[in-house]
Amino acid sequence: MSAPQALDPDTARALLRQLLRIRRFEEQCAASYSAGAIRGFLHLYIGEEAVAAGLCAMLREEDAVFATYREHGHALARGVPMRGLMAEMYGKQEGCSGGRGGSMHLFDVGRRFFGGNAIVAGALPLAVGFALADLLQSRPHVTVCVFGEGAMAEGEFHEAANLAALWGLPVLFVCENNLYAMGTHLARSESETDLVAKAHSYRLAAASVDGMDVAAVREAAGAAVAHVRGGGGPFFLECRTYRFRAHSMFDPELYRDPGEVATWRTRDPIATFVARGDAAGWWNADDVTSLRTEADAEVADAVTHAEAGTWEPVATLTQDVYASPALGGRA
């Protein structure tokens, strides 16, 4: 990668605002889950916020985004309203997926955010299909697919990478490498731990970036997006990151050394970016306090909205399913 470009204060503040919004949303989701207001599975993005914030800052409205089941941050950074996201977490009709998707299936067609996918590597073939459609119709769009390093051990990754390279598709593969997938270290699950080398084996243009540095992610994502949109074909971007919380709220987290987690926490993407901005003069203490207060207020409003939301009537629960009991199928 070339030398990092200097950020202007407005861009830096926008990035910090996004980081704070995502962190506070995730913290509130953890609290609401513990209180029983959010149920089912919940996978928190705390520690990885720099990837979503830096990546989505470089996309256009017409670009498509696919993500994993740890996708709250991507949805927020993509512009999905926090009220709709929190209502979805609570299972209310006012949620972005009508209360039916929950944490792992956030969806917003208007923002070109197509999930939220509970299947590991499940979004990769979909993203390739979207990119193929854009190529065939000569649309200057970029399809972004975010996935974890665990997905690279799945057949879908290899099939998607092969076809994307073979057909020169306008797709950006973004791997959030947090080292542990669900609970197994990369070195114990894959013989080749150099993920860029793995991408190169399919003749994908590829790069790796510090996923704890939002400015670095933004710059690397900008270069990757420009490559894809300019007709250069698919691109693979590895973001080296780390989740501070367990895999999910059900995870007892017995596989990581607490000392390792503590070491990674010293690289908190928010704290380090705030310190960098202090030194660069992008903001002062009052500016940061104001942004934190703004994020707190937005989260509080989203919770109020979700709590006041409504449950879907039982009479409509079979609507939009593939088979109806009345036709002899299973709903």
Protein backbone atom coordinates (compact mmCIF):
# COMPACT_ATOMS: atom_id res chain seq x y z
CA MET A 1 0.00 0.00 0.00
CA SER A 2 1.11 3.57 -0.59
CA ALA A 3 1.81 6.05 2.20
CA PRO A 4 -1.37 6.91 4.14
CA GLN A 5 -3.21 10.03 3.08
CA ALA A 6 -3.95 12.76 5.59
CA LEU A 7 -7.54 13.01 6.80
CA ASP A 8 -9.36 16.31 6.95
CA PRO A 9 -11.18 17.15 10.23
CA ASP A 10 -14.68 16.72 8.77
CA THR A 11 -13.91 13.26 7.41
CA ALA A 12 -12.25 12.26 10.67
CA ARG A 13 -15.25 13.41 12.71
CA ALA A 14 -17.62 11.48 10.43
CA LEU A 15 -15.57 8.32 10.97
CA LEU A 16 -15.47 8.82 14.74
CA ARG A 17 -19.21 9.43 14.82
CA GLN A 18 -19.79 6.14 13.04
CA LEU A 19 -17.45 4.25 15.37
CA LEU A 20 -19.24 5.62 18.43
CA ARG A 21 -22.71 4.87 17.04
CA ILE A 22 -21.79 1.26 16.35
CA ARG A 23 -20.11 0.74 19.73
CA ARG A 24 -23.00 2.21 21.71
CA PHE A 25 -25.56 0.24 19.70
CA GLU A 26 -23.70 -2.99 20.41
CA GLU A 27 -23.31 -2.21 24.09
CA GLN A 28 -27.03 -1.52 24.35
CA CYS A 29 -27.84 -4.76 22.52
CA ALA A 30 -25.76 -6.66 25.09
CA ALA A 31 -27.64 -4.95 27.93
CA SER A 32 -31.06 -5.54 26.35
CA TYR A 33 -30.18 -9.17 25.70
CA SER A 34 -29.13 -9.68 29.31
CA ALA A 35 -32.44 -8.14 30.39
CA GLY A 36 -34.40 -10.56 28.19
CA ALA A 37 -35.66 -7.92 25.75
CA ILE A 38 -33.61 -9.35 22.87
CA ARG A 39 -33.76 -13.10 22.32
CA GLY A 40 -32.26 -15.72 20.06
CA PHE A 41 -28.67 -15.43 18.92
CA LEU A 42 -26.66 -12.24 19.27
CA HIS A 43 -23.16 -11.75 17.83
CA LEU A 44 -21.54 -8.47 18.87
CA TYR A 45 -19.20 -6.40 16.71
CA ILE A 46 -17.37 -4.68 19.57
CA GLY A 47 -13.71 -4.28 18.61
CA GLU A 48 -14.28 -4.63 14.87
CA GLU A 49 -16.08 -1.32 14.26
CA ALA A 50 -13.27 0.19 12.17
CA VAL A 51 -13.91 -2.25 9.32
CA ALA A 52 -17.56 -1.37 8.76
CA ALA A 53 -17.02 2.36 9.32
CA GLY A 54 -14.01 2.63 7.01
CA LEU A 55 -15.41 0.37 4.31
CA CYS A 56 -18.91 1.81 3.99
CA ALA A 57 -17.54 5.36 3.90
CA MET A 58 -16.13 4.58 0.44
CA LEU A 59 -19.25 3.12 -1.15
CA ARG A 60 -21.95 4.75 -3.28
CA GLU A 61 -25.68 4.46 -2.67
CA GLU A 62 -26.14 2.16 -5.66
CA ASP A 63 -23.52 -0.34 -4.48
CA ALA A 64 -24.75 -3.56 -2.85
CA VAL A 65 -23.57 -4.88 0.51
CA PHE A 66 -23.77 -8.44 1.84
CA ALA A 67 -22.59 -9.27 5.33
CA THR A 68 -22.36 -12.02 7.93
CA TYR A 69 -24.49 -12.68 10.99
CA ARG A 70 -22.24 -10.19 12.87
CA GLU A 71 -23.64 -7.39 10.73
CA HIS A 72 -25.13 -4.70 12.98
CA GLY A 73 -22.17 -2.39 12.36
CA HIS A 74 -22.33 -2.78 8.60
CA ALA A 75 -26.05 -2.02 8.58
CA LEU A 76 -25.55 1.14 10.64
CA ALA A 77 -22.61 2.30 8.55
CA ARG A 78 -24.63 1.61 5.40
CA GLY A 79 -27.31 4.02 6.59
CA VAL A 80 -30.02 1.68 7.85
CA PRO A 81 -31.88 3.71 10.52
CA MET A 82 -31.01 2.72 14.05
CA ARG A 83 -34.67 2.71 15.05
CA GLY A 84 -35.43 0.00 12.52
CA LEU A 85 -32.38 -2.01 13.57
CA MET A 86 -33.22 -1.94 17.26
CA ALA A 87 -36.86 -2.78 16.60
CA GLU A 88 -35.65 -5.77 14.60
CA MET A 89 -33.47 -6.84 17.51
CA TYR A 90 -36.57 -6.73 19.71
CA GLY A 91 -38.56 -8.75 17.16
CA LYS A 92 -41.07 -5.98 16.49
CA GLN A 93 -42.97 -5.34 13.26
CA GLU A 94 -41.32 -1.94 12.96
CA GLY A 95 -37.98 -3.66 12.46
CA CYS A 96 -36.13 -3.45 9.14
CA SER A 97 -37.03 -7.10 8.46
CA GLY A 98 -40.50 -6.85 9.95
CA GLY A 99 -39.35 -8.45 13.19
CA ARG A 100 -38.84 -11.81 11.51
CA GLY A 101 -35.10 -11.71 10.96
CA GLY A 102 -33.68 -10.61 14.26
CA SER A 103 -29.99 -10.01 14.87
CA MET A 104 -28.66 -12.25 12.09
CA HIS A 105 -30.98 -11.26 9.25
CA LEU A 106 -30.99 -7.46 8.98
CA PHE A 107 -32.14 -6.37 5.52
CA ASP A 108 -32.90 -3.08 3.78
CA VAL A 109 -33.51 -3.05 0.03
CA GLY A 110 -33.68 0.75 -0.12
CA ARG A 111 -30.16 1.06 1.29
CA ARG A 112 -28.95 -1.83 -0.88
CA PHE A 113 -28.13 -3.81 2.25
CA PHE A 114 -28.94 -7.45 1.51
CA GLY A 115 -28.18 -9.11 4.83
CA GLY A 116 -27.33 -10.48 7.34
CA ASN A 117 -26.80 -14.19 6.57
CA ALA A 118 -26.76 -16.88 9.26
CA ILE A 119 -24.98 -19.39 7.03
CA VAL A 120 -21.19 -19.21 7.16
CA ALA A 121 -20.06 -18.18 3.63
CA GLY A 122 -23.70 -18.14 2.52
CA ALA A 123 -23.56 -14.61 1.13
CA LEU A 124 -20.61 -15.26 -1.19
CA PRO A 125 -22.57 -16.93 -4.04
CA LEU A 126 -25.27 -14.27 -3.76
CA ALA A 127 -22.72 -11.49 -4.10
CA VAL A 128 -21.21 -13.14 -7.15
CA GLY A 129 -24.68 -13.33 -8.68
CA PHE A 130 -25.32 -9.64 -8.04
CA ALA A 131 -21.95 -8.73 -9.56
CA LEU A 132 -22.65 -10.89 -12.62
CA ALA A 133 -25.97 -9.08 -13.13
CA ASP A 134 -24.22 -5.71 -12.95
CA LEU A 135 -21.58 -6.83 -15.43
CA LEU A 136 -24.14 -8.16 -17.91
CA GLN A 137 -26.16 -4.95 -17.70
CA SER A 138 -23.08 -2.67 -17.83
CA ARG A 139 -23.91 -1.00 -14.51
CA PRO A 140 -20.96 0.73 -12.79
CA HIS A 141 -21.84 -0.76 -9.41
CA VAL A 142 -19.70 -2.56 -6.87
CA THR A 143 -21.00 -5.51 -4.87
CA VAL A 144 -19.30 -5.89 -1.49
CA CYS A 145 -19.33 -9.17 0.41
CA VAL A 146 -18.09 -9.19 4.01
CA PHE A 147 -17.24 -12.49 5.67
CA GLY A 148 -15.00 -13.92 8.36
CA GLU A 149 -11.82 -15.91 7.89
CA GLY A 150 -13.69 -19.06 8.89
CA ALA A 151 -15.71 -18.76 5.68
CA MET A 152 -12.53 -19.24 3.64
CA ALA A 153 -12.49 -22.90 4.67
CA GLU A 154 -15.93 -23.36 3.09
CA GLY A 155 -16.50 -24.49 -0.47
CA GLU A 156 -18.57 -21.41 -1.25
CA PHE A 157 -15.52 -19.18 -0.91
CA HIS A 158 -13.51 -21.20 -3.41
CA GLU A 159 -16.38 -21.40 -5.88
CA ALA A 160 -17.11 -17.67 -5.56
CA ALA A 161 -13.46 -16.64 -5.88
CA ASN A 162 -12.95 -18.86 -8.90
CA LEU A 163 -16.00 -17.61 -10.80
CA ALA A 164 -15.38 -13.96 -9.86
CA ALA A 165 -11.84 -14.14 -11.22
CA LEU A 166 -12.80 -16.22 -14.26
CA TRP A 167 -15.53 -13.80 -15.30
CA GLY A 168 -13.87 -10.57 -14.13
CA LEU A 169 -16.80 -9.65 -11.89
CA PRO A 170 -17.15 -6.27 -10.12
CA VAL A 171 -17.15 -7.72 -6.61
CA LEU A 172 -15.13 -6.76 -3.54
CA PHE A 173 -14.49 -9.58 -1.08
CA VAL A 174 -13.80 -8.22 2.41
CA CYS A 175 -12.51 -10.74 4.93
CA GLU A 176 -12.78 -9.71 8.58
CA ASN A 177 -9.98 -11.86 9.98
CA ASN A 178 -10.56 -11.94 13.74
CA LEU A 179 -8.44 -15.11 14.05
CA TYR A 180 -10.96 -17.34 15.80
CA ALA A 181 -13.98 -17.91 13.54
CA MET A 182 -16.46 -19.39 16.04
CA GLY A 183 -13.85 -20.61 18.50
CA THR A 184 -10.92 -22.21 16.69
CA HIS A 185 -7.74 -20.29 15.92
CA LEU A 186 -6.91 -19.85 12.26
CA ALA A 187 -3.63 -21.74 12.66
CA ARG A 188 -5.51 -24.80 13.93
CA SER A 189 -8.12 -24.86 11.17
CA GLU A 190 -6.34 -23.87 7.95
CA SER A 191 -3.01 -25.07 6.57
CA GLU A 192 -2.43 -21.75 4.77
CA THR A 193 -2.90 -18.83 7.16
CA ASP A 194 -1.78 -16.17 4.66
CA LEU A 195 -5.22 -15.22 3.39
CA VAL A 196 -3.89 -12.88 0.72
CA ALA A 197 -1.83 -15.76 -0.69
CA LYS A 198 -4.99 -17.83 -0.74
CA ALA A 199 -6.77 -15.10 -2.72
CA HIS A 200 -3.82 -14.83 -5.09
CA SER A 201 -4.15 -18.54 -5.83
CA TYR A 202 -7.36 -17.61 -7.66
CA ARG A 203 -5.62 -14.71 -9.37
CA LEU A 204 -7.58 -12.17 -7.36
CA ALA A 205 -6.03 -8.77 -6.81
CA ALA A 206 -5.58 -8.64 -3.04
CA ALA A 207 -4.28 -6.61 -0.12
CA SER A 208 -4.20 -6.74 3.67
CA VAL A 209 -4.85 -3.88 6.09
CA ASP A 210 -4.88 -3.21 9.82
CA GLY A 211 -8.57 -3.63 10.62
CA MET A 212 -8.21 -1.84 13.95
CA ASP A 213 -7.33 1.43 12.18
CA VAL A 214 -10.40 3.07 10.66
CA ALA A 215 -8.37 5.51 8.56
CA ALA A 216 -6.26 2.68 7.13
CA VAL A 217 -9.38 0.64 6.33
CA ARG A 218 -10.98 3.64 4.65
CA GLU A 219 -7.95 4.18 2.45
CA ALA A 220 -7.50 0.51 1.57
CA ALA A 221 -11.21 0.15 0.85
CA GLY A 222 -11.11 3.24 -1.35
CA ALA A 223 -8.31 1.76 -3.43
CA ALA A 224 -10.07 -1.61 -3.66
CA VAL A 225 -13.39 -0.05 -4.66
CA ALA A 226 -11.67 2.09 -7.30
CA HIS A 227 -10.02 -1.03 -8.72
CA VAL A 228 -13.34 -2.87 -9.00
CA ARG A 229 -15.39 0.07 -10.27
CA GLY A 230 -12.73 0.92 -12.81
CA GLY A 231 -13.09 -2.45 -14.50
CA GLY A 232 -10.13 -4.15 -12.87
CA GLY A 233 -12.16 -7.16 -11.81
CA PRO A 234 -12.67 -8.62 -8.35
CA PHE A 235 -10.59 -7.64 -5.32
CA PHE A 236 -9.90 -9.37 -2.00
CA LEU A 237 -9.26 -7.19 1.06
CA GLU A 238 -8.20 -8.79 4.34
CA CYS A 239 -8.91 -6.67 7.42
CA ARG A 240 -6.91 -7.94 10.39
CA THR A 241 -9.17 -7.34 13.37
CA TYR A 242 -10.30 -8.81 16.69
CA ARG A 243 -13.61 -9.13 18.48
CA PHE A 244 -13.40 -8.10 22.10
CA ARG A 245 -16.46 -10.08 23.13
CA ALA A 246 -17.20 -13.79 22.83
CA HIS A 247 -18.40 -15.28 19.54
CA SER A 248 -22.00 -14.92 20.70
CA MET A 249 -23.84 -14.23 23.93
CA PHE A 250 -24.06 -18.03 24.43
CA ASP A 251 -20.30 -18.53 24.12
CA PRO A 252 -18.44 -19.25 27.42
CA GLU A 253 -15.22 -18.25 25.60
CA LEU A 254 -12.89 -20.92 26.95
CA TYR A 255 -10.61 -20.93 23.91
CA ARG A 256 -8.89 -17.53 24.23
CA ASP A 257 -6.25 -16.46 26.73
CA PRO A 258 -7.59 -13.46 28.69
CA GLY A 259 -4.15 -11.89 28.36
CA GLU A 260 -4.42 -11.99 24.59
CA VAL A 261 -7.80 -10.27 24.70
CA ALA A 262 -6.39 -7.62 27.04
CA THR A 263 -3.49 -6.99 24.67
CA TRP A 264 -5.82 -6.50 21.72
CA ARG A 265 -7.98 -4.15 23.79
CA THR A 266 -5.04 -1.76 23.97
CA ARG A 267 -5.59 -1.32 20.23
CA ASP A 268 -9.26 -0.35 20.63
CA PRO A 269 -10.20 1.30 17.30
CA ILE A 270 -12.08 4.09 19.04
CA ALA A 271 -9.55 4.96 21.73
CA THR A 272 -6.62 4.93 19.31
CA PHE A 273 -8.48 7.06 16.75
CA VAL A 274 -9.52 9.58 19.39
CA ALA A 275 -5.88 9.85 20.50
CA ARG A 276 -4.76 10.30 16.91
CA GLY A 277 -7.33 13.03 16.38
CA ASP A 278 -6.26 14.79 19.57
CA ALA A 279 -2.68 14.88 18.31
CA ALA A 280 -3.69 15.97 14.81
CA GLY A 281 -6.04 18.70 16.03
CA TRP A 282 -9.10 17.19 14.36
CA TRP A 283 -11.15 17.82 17.51
CA ASN A 284 -11.00 18.81 21.14
CA ALA A 285 -12.40 17.14 24.25
CA ASP A 286 -15.74 18.93 23.91
CA ASP A 287 -16.13 17.70 20.33
CA VAL A 288 -15.61 14.09 21.38
CA THR A 289 -17.97 14.46 24.33
CA SER A 290 -20.61 15.91 22.01
CA LEU A 291 -20.30 12.97 19.61
CA ARG A 292 -20.57 10.49 22.49
CA THR A 293 -23.66 12.28 23.79
CA GLU A 294 -25.19 12.23 20.31
CA ALA A 295 -24.61 8.47 20.04
CA ASP A 296 -26.09 7.89 23.50
CA ALA A 297 -29.20 9.87 22.59
CA GLU A 298 -29.68 8.03 19.29
CA VAL A 299 -29.43 4.66 21.03
CA ALA A 300 -31.84 5.70 23.78
CA ASP A 301 -34.34 6.85 21.17
CA ALA A 302 -33.97 3.56 19.30
CA VAL A 303 -34.68 1.58 22.46
CA THR A 304 -37.77 3.66 23.21
CA HIS A 305 -38.98 3.07 19.65
CA ALA A 306 -38.36 -0.68 19.91
CA GLU A 307 -40.07 -1.00 23.28
CA ALA A 308 -43.12 0.82 21.92
CA GLY A 309 -43.20 -1.38 18.83
CA THR A 310 -45.82 -4.00 18.07
CA TRP A 311 -45.71 -7.77 17.70
CA GLU A 312 -46.77 -9.35 14.44
CA PRO A 313 -50.30 -10.80 14.65
CA VAL A 314 -50.46 -14.60 14.75
CA ALA A 315 -52.82 -14.51 11.77
CA THR A 316 -50.05 -13.27 9.44
CA LEU A 317 -47.24 -15.57 10.55
CA THR A 318 -47.59 -17.85 7.50
CA GLN A 319 -47.50 -14.93 5.08
CA ASP A 320 -44.51 -14.92 2.68
CA VAL A 321 -43.50 -18.51 3.40
CA TYR A 322 -42.66 -20.95 0.62
CA ALA A 323 -45.40 -23.50 1.33
CA SER A 324 -48.81 -23.18 2.90
CA PRO A 325 -50.35 -25.78 5.22
CA ALA A 326 -53.58 -25.31 3.25
CA LEU A 327 -51.79 -26.70 0.19
CA GLY A 328 -50.46 -29.71 2.03
CA GLY A 329 -47.00 -28.25 2.59
CA ARG A 330 -45.14 -27.26 5.71
CA ALA A 331 -45.06 -23.62 6.69
